[in-house]
Amino acid sequence: MVGEFEYLLLTATARLGEQAYGAAIRRLLAEVGRPVSIGALYTTIDRLEKKGLVTTWMGEATAERGGRAKRMVRVTTEGLREAEEFYSTITMISRDVSWIKR
């Protein structure tokens, strides 16, 4: 099973779809209160790629990046399965638990 941060990265990547690349993934994670360093992000992307859970490729060079290409990321079928398994496990264990202070 994937870990929590791997799950977050897979979910952000799936949510961004064709627009999933490092900076966009970092922005989305920061928006939900989980800021991440660029080093931690790419280390995790590399690990997920070795596990076969994501694929990456170099996109077109863009003017906004000074002519540099973006490293695009896509979740594989196996990555979707792993993320679904993590989500299902968290949902089941959380059933009937309230985190509201009493």
Protein backbone atom coordinates (compact mmCIF):
# COMPACT_ATOMS: atom_id res chain seq x y z
CA MET A 1 0.00 0.00 0.00
CA VAL A 2 1.16 3.54 -0.71
CA GLY A 3 1.93 5.93 2.13
CA GLU A 4 0.05 9.10 2.97
CA PHE A 5 2.27 11.49 1.01
CA GLU A 6 2.37 9.16 -1.99
CA TYR A 7 -1.43 9.06 -1.89
CA LEU A 8 -1.61 12.86 -1.79
CA LEU A 9 0.73 13.12 -4.76
CA LEU A 10 -1.21 10.50 -6.75
CA THR A 11 -4.48 12.29 -5.96
CA ALA A 12 -3.14 15.73 -6.88
CA THR A 13 -1.75 14.31 -10.13
CA ALA A 14 -5.06 12.66 -11.01
CA ARG A 15 -6.97 15.83 -10.15
CA LEU A 16 -4.72 17.97 -12.37
CA GLY A 17 -5.01 15.55 -15.31
CA GLU A 18 -3.17 16.79 -18.40
CA GLN A 19 -1.87 19.80 -16.43
CA ALA A 20 0.04 17.68 -13.87
CA TYR A 21 3.67 18.75 -13.52
CA GLY A 22 5.90 19.59 -10.55
CA ALA A 23 4.97 23.23 -9.92
CA ALA A 24 1.23 22.62 -10.40
CA ILE A 25 1.29 19.62 -8.05
CA ARG A 26 3.19 21.67 -5.42
CA ARG A 27 0.65 24.53 -5.73
CA LEU A 28 -2.31 22.19 -5.28
CA LEU A 29 -0.75 20.47 -2.26
CA ALA A 30 0.02 23.87 -0.69
CA GLU A 31 -3.60 24.98 -1.29
CA VAL A 32 -4.85 22.05 0.81
CA GLY A 33 -2.40 22.78 3.61
CA ARG A 34 0.39 20.35 2.68
CA PRO A 35 3.33 22.44 1.41
CA VAL A 36 6.20 20.37 0.04
CA SER A 37 9.74 21.12 -1.04
CA ILE A 38 10.66 20.58 -4.67
CA GLY A 39 13.22 17.98 -3.59
CA ALA A 40 10.69 15.92 -1.63
CA LEU A 41 8.22 16.19 -4.50
CA TYR A 42 10.60 14.90 -7.17
CA THR A 43 12.05 12.21 -4.88
CA THR A 44 8.52 10.91 -4.38
CA ILE A 45 7.68 11.16 -8.10
CA ASP A 46 10.83 9.15 -8.87
CA ARG A 47 9.88 6.52 -6.27
CA LEU A 48 6.31 6.27 -7.63
CA GLU A 49 7.66 5.93 -11.16
CA LYS A 50 9.98 3.07 -10.10
CA LYS A 51 6.97 1.36 -8.51
CA GLY A 52 5.02 1.76 -11.79
CA LEU A 53 2.41 4.02 -10.21
CA VAL A 54 3.13 7.09 -12.37
CA THR A 55 4.79 7.80 -15.67
CA THR A 56 6.67 10.97 -16.51
CA TRP A 57 7.85 12.62 -19.70
CA MET A 58 9.21 15.96 -20.76
CA GLY A 59 6.57 18.27 -22.18
CA GLU A 60 7.11 21.13 -24.57
CA ALA A 61 9.34 24.06 -23.66
CA THR A 62 7.31 27.05 -22.52
CA ALA A 63 8.03 30.77 -22.52
CA GLU A 64 6.72 31.07 -18.95
CA ARG A 65 9.56 28.77 -17.84
CA GLY A 66 12.25 30.57 -19.79
CA GLY A 67 12.17 28.03 -22.59
CA ARG A 68 12.52 25.03 -20.26
CA ALA A 69 10.31 21.98 -20.63
CA LYS A 70 7.96 20.75 -17.90
CA ARG A 71 8.26 17.24 -16.47
CA MET A 72 4.72 16.00 -16.90
CA VAL A 73 3.25 13.31 -14.62
CA ARG A 74 0.41 10.84 -15.19
CA VAL A 75 -1.03 8.23 -12.82
CA THR A 76 -0.94 4.68 -14.23
CA THR A 77 -3.72 2.12 -13.89
CA GLU A 78 -1.73 0.49 -11.07
CA GLY A 79 -1.37 3.91 -9.41
CA LEU A 80 -5.12 4.44 -9.56
CA ARG A 81 -5.65 1.01 -7.97
CA GLU A 82 -3.18 1.75 -5.17
CA ALA A 83 -4.73 5.16 -4.46
CA GLU A 84 -8.20 3.63 -4.39
CA GLU A 85 -7.00 0.96 -1.94
CA PHE A 86 -5.49 3.59 0.36
CA TYR A 87 -8.65 5.71 0.24
CA SER A 88 -10.86 2.70 0.92
CA THR A 89 -8.74 1.65 3.91
CA ILE A 90 -8.76 5.16 5.42
CA THR A 91 -12.51 5.45 4.85
CA MET A 92 -13.22 2.10 6.52
CA ILE A 93 -11.02 2.71 9.57
CA SER A 94 -12.49 6.20 9.99
CA ARG A 95 -16.10 5.04 9.99
CA ASP A 96 -17.91 6.09 13.18
CA VAL A 97 -14.98 8.20 14.41
CA SER A 98 -15.49 11.86 15.16
CA TRP A 99 -12.51 14.17 15.48
CA ILE A 100 -14.62 16.95 16.95
CA LYS A 101 -13.53 17.82 20.49
CA ARG A 102 -16.20 17.21 23.03
